[in-house]
Amino acid sequence: MTIRDLVKVIQQDIAAGAGGLEPQAAADRLMKLTALLGNINDEIRSANAHYAIVLLRYLDADEAASRAKIRAETSPEYQRRQEARDTKELAQEMIRALKYYMRSVEEEMRLTR
């Protein structure tokens, strides 16, 4: 399973349990997502390096910088780079949502005591 697949599974779990996600399940998913952020950052670094090689190849072909950039952005390396960045953004948003959910559950529990 890829990192993207793991994030997607957590996203589906959260969506499926949105109405009644248990606090412990939310905490588990929060911990998994937080742990995956390091792996996602590694993937972004690697994807950026591969994309830079493609871009340099087009620039070395004596193309105008703007045309070289457009050509490079049609490459699989660029797509990989964008997917990695989108995965990070999704993971960060889910982390924020889970933190908010856990705070609201904690506040609700505090008020019912």
PDB file of N, CA and C in Angstrom:
ATOM      1  N   MET A   1       0.831  -1.189   0.000  1.00  0.00           N
ATOM      2  CA  MET A   1       0.000   0.000   0.000  1.00  0.00           C
ATOM      3  C   MET A   1       0.875   1.251   0.000  1.00  0.00           C
ATOM      4  N   THR A   2       0.544   2.198  -0.853  1.00  0.00           N
ATOM      5  CA  THR A   2       1.311   3.441  -0.903  1.00  0.00           C
ATOM      6  C   THR A   2       0.850   4.386   0.209  1.00  0.00           C
ATOM      7  N   ILE A   3       1.611   5.422   0.403  1.00  0.00           N
ATOM      8  CA  ILE A   3       1.247   6.435   1.394  1.00  0.00           C
ATOM      9  C   ILE A   3      -0.078   7.067   1.019  1.00  0.00           C
ATOM     10  N   ARG A   4      -0.259   7.345  -0.285  1.00  0.00           N
ATOM     11  CA  ARG A   4      -1.527   7.929  -0.747  1.00  0.00           C
ATOM     12  C   ARG A   4      -2.694   7.007  -0.424  1.00  0.00           C
ATOM     13  N   ASP A   5      -2.476   5.706  -0.607  1.00  0.00           N
ATOM     14  CA  ASP A   5      -3.529   4.737  -0.296  1.00  0.00           C
ATOM     15  C   ASP A   5      -3.863   4.741   1.194  1.00  0.00           C
ATOM     16  N   LEU A   6      -2.833   4.817   2.037  1.00  0.00           N
ATOM     17  CA  LEU A   6      -3.060   4.847   3.487  1.00  0.00           C
ATOM     18  C   LEU A   6      -3.853   6.087   3.889  1.00  0.00           C
ATOM     19  N   VAL A   7      -3.495   7.228   3.317  1.00  0.00           N
ATOM     20  CA  VAL A   7      -4.216   8.473   3.617  1.00  0.00           C
ATOM     21  C   VAL A   7      -5.658   8.365   3.134  1.00  0.00           C
ATOM     22  N   LYS A   8      -5.848   7.786   1.950  1.00  0.00           N
ATOM     23  CA  LYS A   8      -7.193   7.641   1.398  1.00  0.00           C
ATOM     24  C   LYS A   8      -8.055   6.724   2.267  1.00  0.00           C
ATOM     25  N   VAL A   9      -7.475   5.651   2.801  1.00  0.00           N
ATOM     26  CA  VAL A   9      -8.214   4.745   3.687  1.00  0.00           C
ATOM     27  C   VAL A   9      -8.652   5.483   4.946  1.00  0.00           C
ATOM     28  N   ILE A  10      -7.760   6.278   5.509  1.00  0.00           N
ATOM     29  CA  ILE A  10      -8.111   7.053   6.701  1.00  0.00           C
ATOM     30  C   ILE A  10      -9.207   8.055   6.358  1.00  0.00           C
ATOM     31  N   GLN A  11      -9.107   8.680   5.194  1.00  0.00           N
ATOM     32  CA  GLN A  11     -10.135   9.625   4.762  1.00  0.00           C
ATOM     33  C   GLN A  11     -11.496   8.927   4.663  1.00  0.00           C
ATOM     34  N   GLN A  12     -11.518   7.747   4.095  1.00  0.00           N
ATOM     35  CA  GLN A  12     -12.767   7.001   3.966  1.00  0.00           C
ATOM     36  C   GLN A  12     -13.303   6.577   5.330  1.00  0.00           C
ATOM     37  N   ASP A  13     -12.421   6.203   6.254  1.00  0.00           N
ATOM     38  CA  ASP A  13     -12.835   5.844   7.611  1.00  0.00           C
ATOM     39  C   ASP A  13     -13.489   7.023   8.313  1.00  0.00           C
ATOM     40  N   ILE A  14     -12.867   8.186   8.153  1.00  0.00           N
ATOM     41  CA  ILE A  14     -13.406   9.391   8.789  1.00  0.00           C
ATOM     42  C   ILE A  14     -14.769   9.726   8.196  1.00  0.00           C
ATOM     43  N   ALA A  15     -14.878   9.647   6.887  1.00  0.00           N
ATOM     44  CA  ALA A  15     -16.142   9.965   6.215  1.00  0.00           C
ATOM     45  C   ALA A  15     -17.235   8.975   6.623  1.00  0.00           C
ATOM     46  N   ALA A  16     -16.888   7.714   6.737  1.00  0.00           N
ATOM     47  CA  ALA A  16     -17.872   6.689   7.102  1.00  0.00           C
ATOM     48  C   ALA A  16     -18.353   6.856   8.540  1.00  0.00           C
ATOM     49  N   GLY A  17     -17.470   7.325   9.406  1.00  0.00           N
ATOM     50  CA  GLY A  17     -17.839   7.462  10.812  1.00  0.00           C
ATOM     51  C   GLY A  17     -18.082   8.893  11.231  1.00  0.00           C
ATOM     52  N   ALA A  18     -18.324   9.752  10.288  1.00  0.00           N
ATOM     53  CA  ALA A  18     -18.441  11.191  10.573  1.00  0.00           C
ATOM     54  C   ALA A  18     -19.487  11.489  11.638  1.00  0.00           C
ATOM     55  N   GLY A  19     -20.600  10.789  11.614  1.00  0.00           N
ATOM     56  CA  GLY A  19     -21.650  11.064  12.586  1.00  0.00           C
ATOM     57  C   GLY A  19     -21.364  10.506  13.969  1.00  0.00           C
ATOM     58  N   GLY A  20     -20.613   9.424  14.039  1.00  0.00           N
ATOM     59  CA  GLY A  20     -20.390   8.802  15.326  1.00  0.00           C
ATOM     60  C   GLY A  20     -18.995   8.261  15.518  1.00  0.00           C
ATOM     61  N   LEU A  21     -18.001   9.004  15.081  1.00  0.00           N
ATOM     62  CA  LEU A  21     -16.617   8.582  15.229  1.00  0.00           C
ATOM     63  C   LEU A  21     -16.244   8.607  16.705  1.00  0.00           C
ATOM     64  N   GLU A  22     -15.814   7.477  17.201  1.00  0.00           N
ATOM     65  CA  GLU A  22     -15.412   7.384  18.611  1.00  0.00           C
ATOM     66  C   GLU A  22     -14.138   8.205  18.843  1.00  0.00           C
ATOM     67  N   PRO A  23     -14.025   8.818  20.018  1.00  0.00           N
ATOM     68  CA  PRO A  23     -12.836   9.634  20.291  1.00  0.00           C
ATOM     69  C   PRO A  23     -11.524   8.850  20.159  1.00  0.00           C
ATOM     70  N   GLN A  24     -11.532   7.595  20.608  1.00  0.00           N
ATOM     71  CA  GLN A  24     -10.300   6.797  20.504  1.00  0.00           C
ATOM     72  C   GLN A  24      -9.956   6.516  19.045  1.00  0.00           C
ATOM     73  N   ALA A  25     -10.980   6.251  18.222  1.00  0.00           N
ATOM     74  CA  ALA A  25     -10.747   6.024  16.792  1.00  0.00           C
ATOM     75  C   ALA A  25     -10.209   7.298  16.142  1.00  0.00           C
ATOM     76  N   ALA A  26     -10.748   8.437  16.541  1.00  0.00           N
ATOM     77  CA  ALA A  26     -10.269   9.717  16.009  1.00  0.00           C
ATOM     78  C   ALA A  26      -8.810   9.935  16.411  1.00  0.00           C
ATOM     79  N   ALA A  27      -8.477   9.625  17.656  1.00  0.00           N
ATOM     80  CA  ALA A  27      -7.100   9.783  18.127  1.00  0.00           C
ATOM     81  C   ALA A  27      -6.157   8.847  17.380  1.00  0.00           C
ATOM     82  N   ASP A  28      -6.599   7.626  17.114  1.00  0.00           N
ATOM     83  CA  ASP A  28      -5.771   6.676  16.365  1.00  0.00           C
ATOM     84  C   ASP A  28      -5.494   7.194  14.963  1.00  0.00           C
ATOM     85  N   ARG A  29      -6.518   7.702  14.305  1.00  0.00           N
ATOM     86  CA  ARG A  29      -6.349   8.222  12.948  1.00  0.00           C
ATOM     87  C   ARG A  29      -5.470   9.470  12.939  1.00  0.00           C
ATOM     88  N   LEU A  30      -5.615  10.291  13.957  1.00  0.00           N
ATOM     89  CA  LEU A  30      -4.778  11.482  14.089  1.00  0.00           C
ATOM     90  C   LEU A  30      -3.309  11.084  14.218  1.00  0.00           C
ATOM     91  N   MET A  31      -3.039  10.084  15.037  1.00  0.00           N
ATOM     92  CA  MET A  31      -1.656   9.629  15.213  1.00  0.00           C
ATOM     93  C   MET A  31      -1.096   9.045  13.918  1.00  0.00           C
ATOM     94  N   LYS A  32      -1.897   8.265  13.202  1.00  0.00           N
ATOM     95  CA  LYS A  32      -1.436   7.674  11.935  1.00  0.00           C
ATOM     96  C   LYS A  32      -1.125   8.762  10.918  1.00  0.00           C
ATOM     97  N   LEU A  33      -2.025   9.729  10.800  1.00  0.00           N
ATOM     98  CA  LEU A  33      -1.808  10.806   9.832  1.00  0.00           C
ATOM     99  C   LEU A  33      -0.568  11.624  10.178  1.00  0.00           C
ATOM    100  N   THR A  34      -0.393  11.898  11.457  1.00  0.00           N
ATOM    101  CA  THR A  34       0.771  12.669  11.893  1.00  0.00           C
ATOM    102  C   THR A  34       2.055  11.906  11.587  1.00  0.00           C
ATOM    103  N   ALA A  35       2.026  10.601  11.821  1.00  0.00           N
ATOM    104  CA  ALA A  35       3.202   9.778  11.526  1.00  0.00           C
ATOM    105  C   ALA A  35       3.480   9.739  10.022  1.00  0.00           C
ATOM    106  N   LEU A  36       2.433   9.728   9.218  1.00  0.00           N
ATOM    107  CA  LEU A  36       2.601   9.671   7.763  1.00  0.00           C
ATOM    108  C   LEU A  36       3.146  10.969   7.175  1.00  0.00           C
ATOM    109  N   LEU A  37       2.998  12.084   7.896  1.00  0.00           N
ATOM    110  CA  LEU A  37       3.482  13.366   7.355  1.00  0.00           C
ATOM    111  C   LEU A  37       4.969  13.325   7.020  1.00  0.00           C
ATOM    112  N   GLY A  38       5.754  12.650   7.832  1.00  0.00           N
ATOM    113  CA  GLY A  38       7.182  12.526   7.550  1.00  0.00           C
ATOM    114  C   GLY A  38       7.434  11.790   6.248  1.00  0.00           C
ATOM    115  N   ASN A  39       6.695  10.714   6.036  1.00  0.00           N
ATOM    116  CA  ASN A  39       6.823   9.960   4.786  1.00  0.00           C
ATOM    117  C   ASN A  39       6.370  10.794   3.590  1.00  0.00           C
ATOM    118  N   ILE A  40       5.320  11.556   3.786  1.00  0.00           N
ATOM    119  CA  ILE A  40       4.817  12.414   2.710  1.00  0.00           C
ATOM    120  C   ILE A  40       5.869  13.463   2.358  1.00  0.00           C
ATOM    121  N   ASN A  41       6.500  14.044   3.369  1.00  0.00           N
ATOM    122  CA  ASN A  41       7.559  15.033   3.109  1.00  0.00           C
ATOM    123  C   ASN A  41       8.721  14.408   2.356  1.00  0.00           C
ATOM    124  N   ASP A  42       9.082  13.160   2.686  1.00  0.00           N
ATOM    125  CA  ASP A  42      10.142  12.464   1.953  1.00  0.00           C
ATOM    126  C   ASP A  42       9.757  12.299   0.486  1.00  0.00           C
ATOM    127  N   GLU A  43       8.505  11.933   0.235  1.00  0.00           N
ATOM    128  CA  GLU A  43       8.022  11.755  -1.132  1.00  0.00           C
ATOM    129  C   GLU A  43       8.051  13.085  -1.886  1.00  0.00           C
ATOM    130  N   ILE A  44       7.670  14.164  -1.222  1.00  0.00           N
ATOM    131  CA  ILE A  44       7.706  15.485  -1.866  1.00  0.00           C
ATOM    132  C   ILE A  44       9.133  15.852  -2.255  1.00  0.00           C
ATOM    133  N   ARG A  45      10.082  15.622  -1.352  1.00  0.00           N
ATOM    134  CA  ARG A  45      11.483  15.929  -1.661  1.00  0.00           C
ATOM    135  C   ARG A  45      11.970  15.136  -2.866  1.00  0.00           C
ATOM    136  N   SER A  46      11.662  13.855  -2.877  1.00  0.00           N
ATOM    137  CA  SER A  46      12.076  13.000  -3.982  1.00  0.00           C
ATOM    138  C   SER A  46      11.412  13.428  -5.297  1.00  0.00           C
ATOM    139  N   ALA A  47      10.122  13.706  -5.239  1.00  0.00           N
ATOM    140  CA  ALA A  47       9.392  14.115  -6.443  1.00  0.00           C
ATOM    141  C   ALA A  47       9.909  15.450  -6.963  1.00  0.00           C
ATOM    142  N   ASN A  48      10.226  16.376  -6.063  1.00  0.00           N
ATOM    143  CA  ASN A  48      10.781  17.669  -6.481  1.00  0.00           C
ATOM    144  C   ASN A  48      12.117  17.485  -7.192  1.00  0.00           C
ATOM    145  N   ALA A  49      12.949  16.595  -6.687  1.00  0.00           N
ATOM    146  CA  ALA A  49      14.254  16.355  -7.303  1.00  0.00           C
ATOM    147  C   ALA A  49      14.094  15.767  -8.708  1.00  0.00           C
ATOM    148  N   HIS A  50      13.187  14.809  -8.855  1.00  0.00           N
ATOM    149  CA  HIS A  50      12.969  14.203 -10.166  1.00  0.00           C
ATOM    150  C   HIS A  50      12.376  15.221 -11.154  1.00  0.00           C
ATOM    151  N   TYR A  51      11.478  16.043 -10.662  1.00  0.00           N
ATOM    152  CA  TYR A  51      10.890  17.077 -11.531  1.00  0.00           C
ATOM    153  C   TYR A  51      11.961  18.086 -11.956  1.00  0.00           C
ATOM    154  N   ALA A  52      12.842  18.449 -11.062  1.00  0.00           N
ATOM    155  CA  ALA A  52      13.897  19.415 -11.392  1.00  0.00           C
ATOM    156  C   ALA A  52      14.795  18.873 -12.501  1.00  0.00           C
ATOM    157  N   ILE A  53      15.048  17.578 -12.483  1.00  0.00           N
ATOM    158  CA  ILE A  53      15.866  16.964 -13.536  1.00  0.00           C
ATOM    159  C   ILE A  53      15.164  17.094 -14.892  1.00  0.00           C
ATOM    160  N   VAL A  54      13.872  16.833 -14.905  1.00  0.00           N
ATOM    161  CA  VAL A  54      13.098  16.955 -16.147  1.00  0.00           C
ATOM    162  C   VAL A  54      13.115  18.398 -16.641  1.00  0.00           C
ATOM    163  N   LEU A  55      12.885  19.332 -15.731  1.00  0.00           N
ATOM    164  CA  LEU A  55      12.880  20.746 -16.106  1.00  0.00           C
ATOM    165  C   LEU A  55      14.241  21.165 -16.660  1.00  0.00           C
ATOM    166  N   LEU A  56      15.306  20.742 -16.013  1.00  0.00           N
ATOM    167  CA  LEU A  56      16.650  21.081 -16.503  1.00  0.00           C
ATOM    168  C   LEU A  56      16.917  20.490 -17.884  1.00  0.00           C
ATOM    169  N   ARG A  57      16.392  19.301 -18.132  1.00  0.00           N
ATOM    170  CA  ARG A  57      16.559  18.671 -19.445  1.00  0.00           C
ATOM    171  C   ARG A  57      15.931  19.555 -20.529  1.00  0.00           C
ATOM    172  N   TYR A  58      14.744  20.071 -20.245  1.00  0.00           N
ATOM    173  CA  TYR A  58      14.093  20.949 -21.223  1.00  0.00           C
ATOM    174  C   TYR A  58      14.813  22.292 -21.349  1.00  0.00           C
ATOM    175  N   LEU A  59      15.308  22.805 -20.235  1.00  0.00           N
ATOM    176  CA  LEU A  59      16.050  24.072 -20.292  1.00  0.00           C
ATOM    177  C   LEU A  59      17.361  23.909 -21.055  1.00  0.00           C
ATOM    178  N   ASP A  60      18.008  22.752 -20.887  1.00  0.00           N
ATOM    179  CA  ASP A  60      19.266  22.486 -21.595  1.00  0.00           C
ATOM    180  C   ASP A  60      19.056  22.319 -23.091  1.00  0.00           C
ATOM    181  N   ALA A  61      17.829  22.058 -23.496  1.00  0.00           N
ATOM    182  CA  ALA A  61      17.532  21.909 -24.921  1.00  0.00           C
ATOM    183  C   ALA A  61      17.392  23.278 -25.587  1.00  0.00           C
ATOM    184  N   ASP A  62      17.869  24.313 -24.915  1.00  0.00           N
ATOM    185  CA  ASP A  62      17.845  25.685 -25.422  1.00  0.00           C
ATOM    186  C   ASP A  62      16.444  26.199 -25.700  1.00  0.00           C
ATOM    187  N   GLU A  63      15.497  25.767 -24.892  1.00  0.00           N
ATOM    188  CA  GLU A  63      14.143  26.294 -25.017  1.00  0.00           C
ATOM    189  C   GLU A  63      14.006  27.510 -24.116  1.00  0.00           C
ATOM    190  N   ALA A  64      13.020  28.306 -24.423  1.00  0.00           N
ATOM    191  CA  ALA A  64      12.708  29.429 -23.543  1.00  0.00           C
ATOM    192  C   ALA A  64      12.252  28.853 -22.197  1.00  0.00           C
ATOM    193  N   ALA A  65      12.549  29.567 -21.137  1.00  0.00           N
ATOM    194  CA  ALA A  65      12.226  29.068 -19.801  1.00  0.00           C
ATOM    195  C   ALA A  65      10.735  28.797 -19.643  1.00  0.00           C
ATOM    196  N   SER A  66       9.909  29.669 -20.174  1.00  0.00           N
ATOM    197  CA  SER A  66       8.468  29.470 -20.028  1.00  0.00           C
ATOM    198  C   SER A  66       7.996  28.225 -20.776  1.00  0.00           C
ATOM    199  N   ARG A  67       8.523  27.996 -21.958  1.00  0.00           N
ATOM    200  CA  ARG A  67       8.153  26.807 -22.737  1.00  0.00           C
ATOM    201  C   ARG A  67       8.688  25.538 -22.066  1.00  0.00           C
ATOM    202  N   ALA A  68       9.899  25.611 -21.539  1.00  0.00           N
ATOM    203  CA  ALA A  68      10.484  24.461 -20.847  1.00  0.00           C
ATOM    204  C   ALA A  68       9.641  24.088 -19.630  1.00  0.00           C
ATOM    205  N   LYS A  69       9.174  25.094 -18.911  1.00  0.00           N
ATOM    206  CA  LYS A  69       8.350  24.842 -17.732  1.00  0.00           C
ATOM    207  C   LYS A  69       7.030  24.182 -18.130  1.00  0.00           C
ATOM    208  N   ILE A  70       6.424  24.664 -19.186  1.00  0.00           N
ATOM    209  CA  ILE A  70       5.156  24.081 -19.651  1.00  0.00           C
ATOM    210  C   ILE A  70       5.369  22.628 -20.063  1.00  0.00           C
ATOM    211  N   ARG A  71       6.431  22.353 -20.798  1.00  0.00           N
ATOM    212  CA  ARG A  71       6.714  20.970 -21.205  1.00  0.00           C
ATOM    213  C   ARG A  71       6.962  20.085 -19.990  1.00  0.00           C
ATOM    214  N   ALA A  72       7.728  20.594 -19.038  1.00  0.00           N
ATOM    215  CA  ALA A  72       8.039  19.812 -17.839  1.00  0.00           C
ATOM    216  C   ALA A  72       6.776  19.521 -17.031  1.00  0.00           C
ATOM    217  N   GLU A  73       5.820  20.448 -17.055  1.00  0.00           N
ATOM    218  CA  GLU A  73       4.586  20.260 -16.301  1.00  0.00           C
ATOM    219  C   GLU A  73       3.638  19.246 -16.936  1.00  0.00           C
ATOM    220  N   THR A  74       3.991  18.737 -18.088  1.00  0.00           N
ATOM    221  CA  THR A  74       3.200  17.671 -18.707  1.00  0.00           C
ATOM    222  C   THR A  74       3.809  16.292 -18.439  1.00  0.00           C
ATOM    223  N   SER A  75       4.874  16.254 -17.668  1.00  0.00           N
ATOM    224  CA  SER A  75       5.599  15.001 -17.433  1.00  0.00           C
ATOM    225  C   SER A  75       5.010  14.220 -16.254  1.00  0.00           C
ATOM    226  N   PRO A  76       5.266  12.911 -16.217  1.00  0.00           N
ATOM    227  CA  PRO A  76       4.843  12.102 -15.065  1.00  0.00           C
ATOM    228  C   PRO A  76       5.506  12.567 -13.760  1.00  0.00           C
ATOM    229  N   GLU A  77       6.705  13.103 -13.859  1.00  0.00           N
ATOM    230  CA  GLU A  77       7.405  13.588 -12.664  1.00  0.00           C
ATOM    231  C   GLU A  77       6.665  14.755 -12.034  1.00  0.00           C
ATOM    232  N   TYR A  78       6.112  15.616 -12.859  1.00  0.00           N
ATOM    233  CA  TYR A  78       5.328  16.741 -12.341  1.00  0.00           C
ATOM    234  C   TYR A  78       4.049  16.231 -11.692  1.00  0.00           C
ATOM    235  N   GLN A  79       3.411  15.265 -12.335  1.00  0.00           N
ATOM    236  CA  GLN A  79       2.185  14.691 -11.772  1.00  0.00           C
ATOM    237  C   GLN A  79       2.473  14.060 -10.413  1.00  0.00           C
ATOM    238  N   ARG A  80       3.579  13.331 -10.308  1.00  0.00           N
ATOM    239  CA  ARG A  80       3.961  12.728  -9.031  1.00  0.00           C
ATOM    240  C   ARG A  80       4.174  13.806  -7.970  1.00  0.00           C
ATOM    241  N   ARG A  81       4.828  14.883  -8.368  1.00  0.00           N
ATOM    242  CA  ARG A  81       5.082  15.999  -7.444  1.00  0.00           C
ATOM    243  C   ARG A  81       3.765  16.603  -6.945  1.00  0.00           C
ATOM    244  N   GLN A  82       2.837  16.827  -7.854  1.00  0.00           N
ATOM    245  CA  GLN A  82       1.548  17.411  -7.481  1.00  0.00           C
ATOM    246  C   GLN A  82       0.746  16.459  -6.585  1.00  0.00           C
ATOM    247  N   GLU A  83       0.765  15.179  -6.903  1.00  0.00           N
ATOM    248  CA  GLU A  83       0.049  14.199  -6.078  1.00  0.00           C
ATOM    249  C   GLU A  83       0.612  14.177  -4.665  1.00  0.00           C
ATOM    250  N   ALA A  84       1.921  14.269  -4.548  1.00  0.00           N
ATOM    251  CA  ALA A  84       2.547  14.280  -3.223  1.00  0.00           C
ATOM    252  C   ALA A  84       2.127  15.530  -2.443  1.00  0.00           C
ATOM    253  N   ARG A  85       2.128  16.664  -3.108  1.00  0.00           N
ATOM    254  CA  ARG A  85       1.705  17.901  -2.438  1.00  0.00           C
ATOM    255  C   ARG A  85       0.226  17.849  -2.061  1.00  0.00           C
ATOM    256  N   ASP A  86      -0.611  17.310  -2.951  1.00  0.00           N
ATOM    257  CA  ASP A  86      -2.043  17.191  -2.652  1.00  0.00           C
ATOM    258  C   ASP A  86      -2.283  16.233  -1.488  1.00  0.00           C
ATOM    259  N   THR A  87      -1.488  15.166  -1.431  1.00  0.00           N
ATOM    260  CA  THR A  87      -1.611  14.213  -0.330  1.00  0.00           C
ATOM    261  C   THR A  87      -1.256  14.882   0.992  1.00  0.00           C
ATOM    262  N   LYS A  88      -0.224  15.693   0.980  1.00  0.00           N
ATOM    263  CA  LYS A  88       0.161  16.406   2.203  1.00  0.00           C
ATOM    264  C   LYS A  88      -0.945  17.371   2.633  1.00  0.00           C
ATOM    265  N   GLU A  89      -1.483  18.097   1.680  1.00  0.00           N
ATOM    266  CA  GLU A  89      -2.552  19.042   1.997  1.00  0.00           C
ATOM    267  C   GLU A  89      -3.772  18.319   2.575  1.00  0.00           C
ATOM    268  N   LEU A  90      -4.139  17.193   1.973  1.00  0.00           N
ATOM    269  CA  LEU A  90      -5.264  16.408   2.480  1.00  0.00           C
ATOM    270  C   LEU A  90      -4.983  15.909   3.888  1.00  0.00           C
ATOM    271  N   ALA A  91      -3.788  15.379   4.117  1.00  0.00           N
ATOM    272  CA  ALA A  91      -3.432  14.878   5.448  1.00  0.00           C
ATOM    273  C   ALA A  91      -3.480  16.002   6.484  1.00  0.00           C
ATOM    274  N   GLN A  92      -2.965  17.164   6.134  1.00  0.00           N
ATOM    275  CA  GLN A  92      -2.983  18.289   7.069  1.00  0.00           C
ATOM    276  C   GLN A  92      -4.410  18.731   7.388  1.00  0.00           C
ATOM    277  N   GLU A  93      -5.269  18.765   6.388  1.00  0.00           N
ATOM    278  CA  GLU A  93      -6.663  19.155   6.631  1.00  0.00           C
ATOM    279  C   GLU A  93      -7.380  18.129   7.506  1.00  0.00           C
ATOM    280  N   MET A  94      -7.110  16.848   7.281  1.00  0.00           N
ATOM    281  CA  MET A  94      -7.734  15.825   8.125  1.00  0.00           C
ATOM    282  C   MET A  94      -7.210  15.905   9.552  1.00  0.00           C
ATOM    283  N   ILE A  95      -5.922  16.214   9.709  1.00  0.00           N
ATOM    284  CA  ILE A  95      -5.359  16.387  11.053  1.00  0.00           C
ATOM    285  C   ILE A  95      -6.061  17.535  11.760  1.00  0.00           C
ATOM    286  N   ARG A  96      -6.242  18.635  11.068  1.00  0.00           N
ATOM    287  CA  ARG A  96      -6.944  19.788  11.663  1.00  0.00           C
ATOM    288  C   ARG A  96      -8.376  19.418  12.044  1.00  0.00           C
ATOM    289  N   ALA A  97      -9.053  18.714  11.148  1.00  0.00           N
ATOM    290  CA  ALA A  97     -10.444  18.327  11.404  1.00  0.00           C
ATOM    291  C   ALA A  97     -10.538  17.384  12.600  1.00  0.00           C
ATOM    292  N   LEU A  98      -9.627  16.439  12.683  1.00  0.00           N
ATOM    293  CA  LEU A  98      -9.646  15.496  13.804  1.00  0.00           C
ATOM    294  C   LEU A  98      -9.340  16.206  15.124  1.00  0.00           C
ATOM    295  N   LYS A  99      -8.410  17.132  15.100  1.00  0.00           N
ATOM    296  CA  LYS A  99      -8.104  17.894  16.316  1.00  0.00           C
ATOM    297  C   LYS A  99      -9.323  18.699  16.763  1.00  0.00           C
ATOM    298  N   TYR A 100      -9.987  19.333  15.810  1.00  0.00           N
ATOM    299  CA  TYR A 100     -11.187  20.106  16.134  1.00  0.00           C
ATOM    300  C   TYR A 100     -12.263  19.186  16.698  1.00  0.00           C
ATOM    301  N   TYR A 101     -12.461  18.041  16.057  1.00  0.00           N
ATOM    302  CA  TYR A 101     -13.466  17.080  16.517  1.00  0.00           C
ATOM    303  C   TYR A 101     -13.156  16.619  17.945  1.00  0.00           C
ATOM    304  N   MET A 102     -11.906  16.304  18.199  1.00  0.00           N
ATOM    305  CA  MET A 102     -11.532  15.822  19.533  1.00  0.00           C
ATOM    306  C   MET A 102     -11.700  16.910  20.589  1.00  0.00           C
ATOM    307  N   ARG A 103     -11.382  18.149  20.232  1.00  0.00           N
ATOM    308  CA  ARG A 103     -11.596  19.250  21.187  1.00  0.00           C
ATOM    309  C   ARG A 103     -13.078  19.432  21.484  1.00  0.00           C
ATOM    310  N   SER A 104     -13.907  19.333  20.453  1.00  0.00           N
ATOM    311  CA  SER A 104     -15.345  19.518  20.673  1.00  0.00           C
ATOM    312  C   SER A 104     -15.921  18.374  21.509  1.00  0.00           C
ATOM    313  N   VAL A 105     -15.461  17.156  21.282  1.00  0.00           N
ATOM    314  CA  VAL A 105     -15.918  16.018  22.099  1.00  0.00           C
ATOM    315  C   VAL A 105     -15.467  16.203  23.540  1.00  0.00           C
ATOM    316  N   GLU A 106     -14.226  16.644  23.725  1.00  0.00           N
ATOM    317  CA  GLU A 106     -13.708  16.882  25.072  1.00  0.00           C
ATOM    318  C   GLU A 106     -14.521  17.965  25.783  1.00  0.00           C
ATOM    319  N   GLU A 107     -14.832  19.026  25.065  1.00  0.00           N
ATOM    320  CA  GLU A 107     -15.630  20.119  25.640  1.00  0.00           C
ATOM    321  C   GLU A 107     -17.039  19.634  25.987  1.00  0.00           C
ATOM    322  N   GLU A 108     -17.617  18.837  25.115  1.00  0.00           N
ATOM    323  CA  GLU A 108     -18.949  18.287  25.381  1.00  0.00           C
ATOM    324  C   GLU A 108     -18.929  17.400  26.614  1.00  0.00           C
ATOM    325  N   MET A 109     -17.907  16.577  26.750  1.00  0.00           N
ATOM    326  CA  MET A 109     -17.795  15.706  27.918  1.00  0.00           C
ATOM    327  C   MET A 109     -17.606  16.527  29.183  1.00  0.00           C
ATOM    328  N   ARG A 110     -16.838  17.578  29.096  1.00  0.00           N
ATOM    329  CA  ARG A 110     -16.590  18.437  30.243  1.00  0.00           C
ATOM    330  C   ARG A 110     -17.879  19.122  30.700  1.00  0.00           C
ATOM    331  N   LEU A 111     -18.688  19.554  29.758  1.00  0.00           N
ATOM    332  CA  LEU A 111     -19.930  20.254  30.083  1.00  0.00           C
ATOM    333  C   LEU A 111     -20.993  19.314  30.638  1.00  0.00           C
ATOM    334  N   THR A 112     -20.944  18.045  30.311  1.00  0.00           N
ATOM    335  CA  THR A 112     -21.963  17.111  30.804  1.00  0.00           C
ATOM    336  C   THR A 112     -21.635  16.577  32.189  1.00  0.00           C
ATOM    337  N   ARG A 113     -20.510  16.900  32.732  1.00  0.00           N
ATOM    338  CA  ARG A 113     -20.128  16.422  34.086  1.00  0.00           C
ATOM    339  C   ARG A 113     -20.736  17.256  35.141  1.00  0.00           C
TER     340      ARG A 113
END
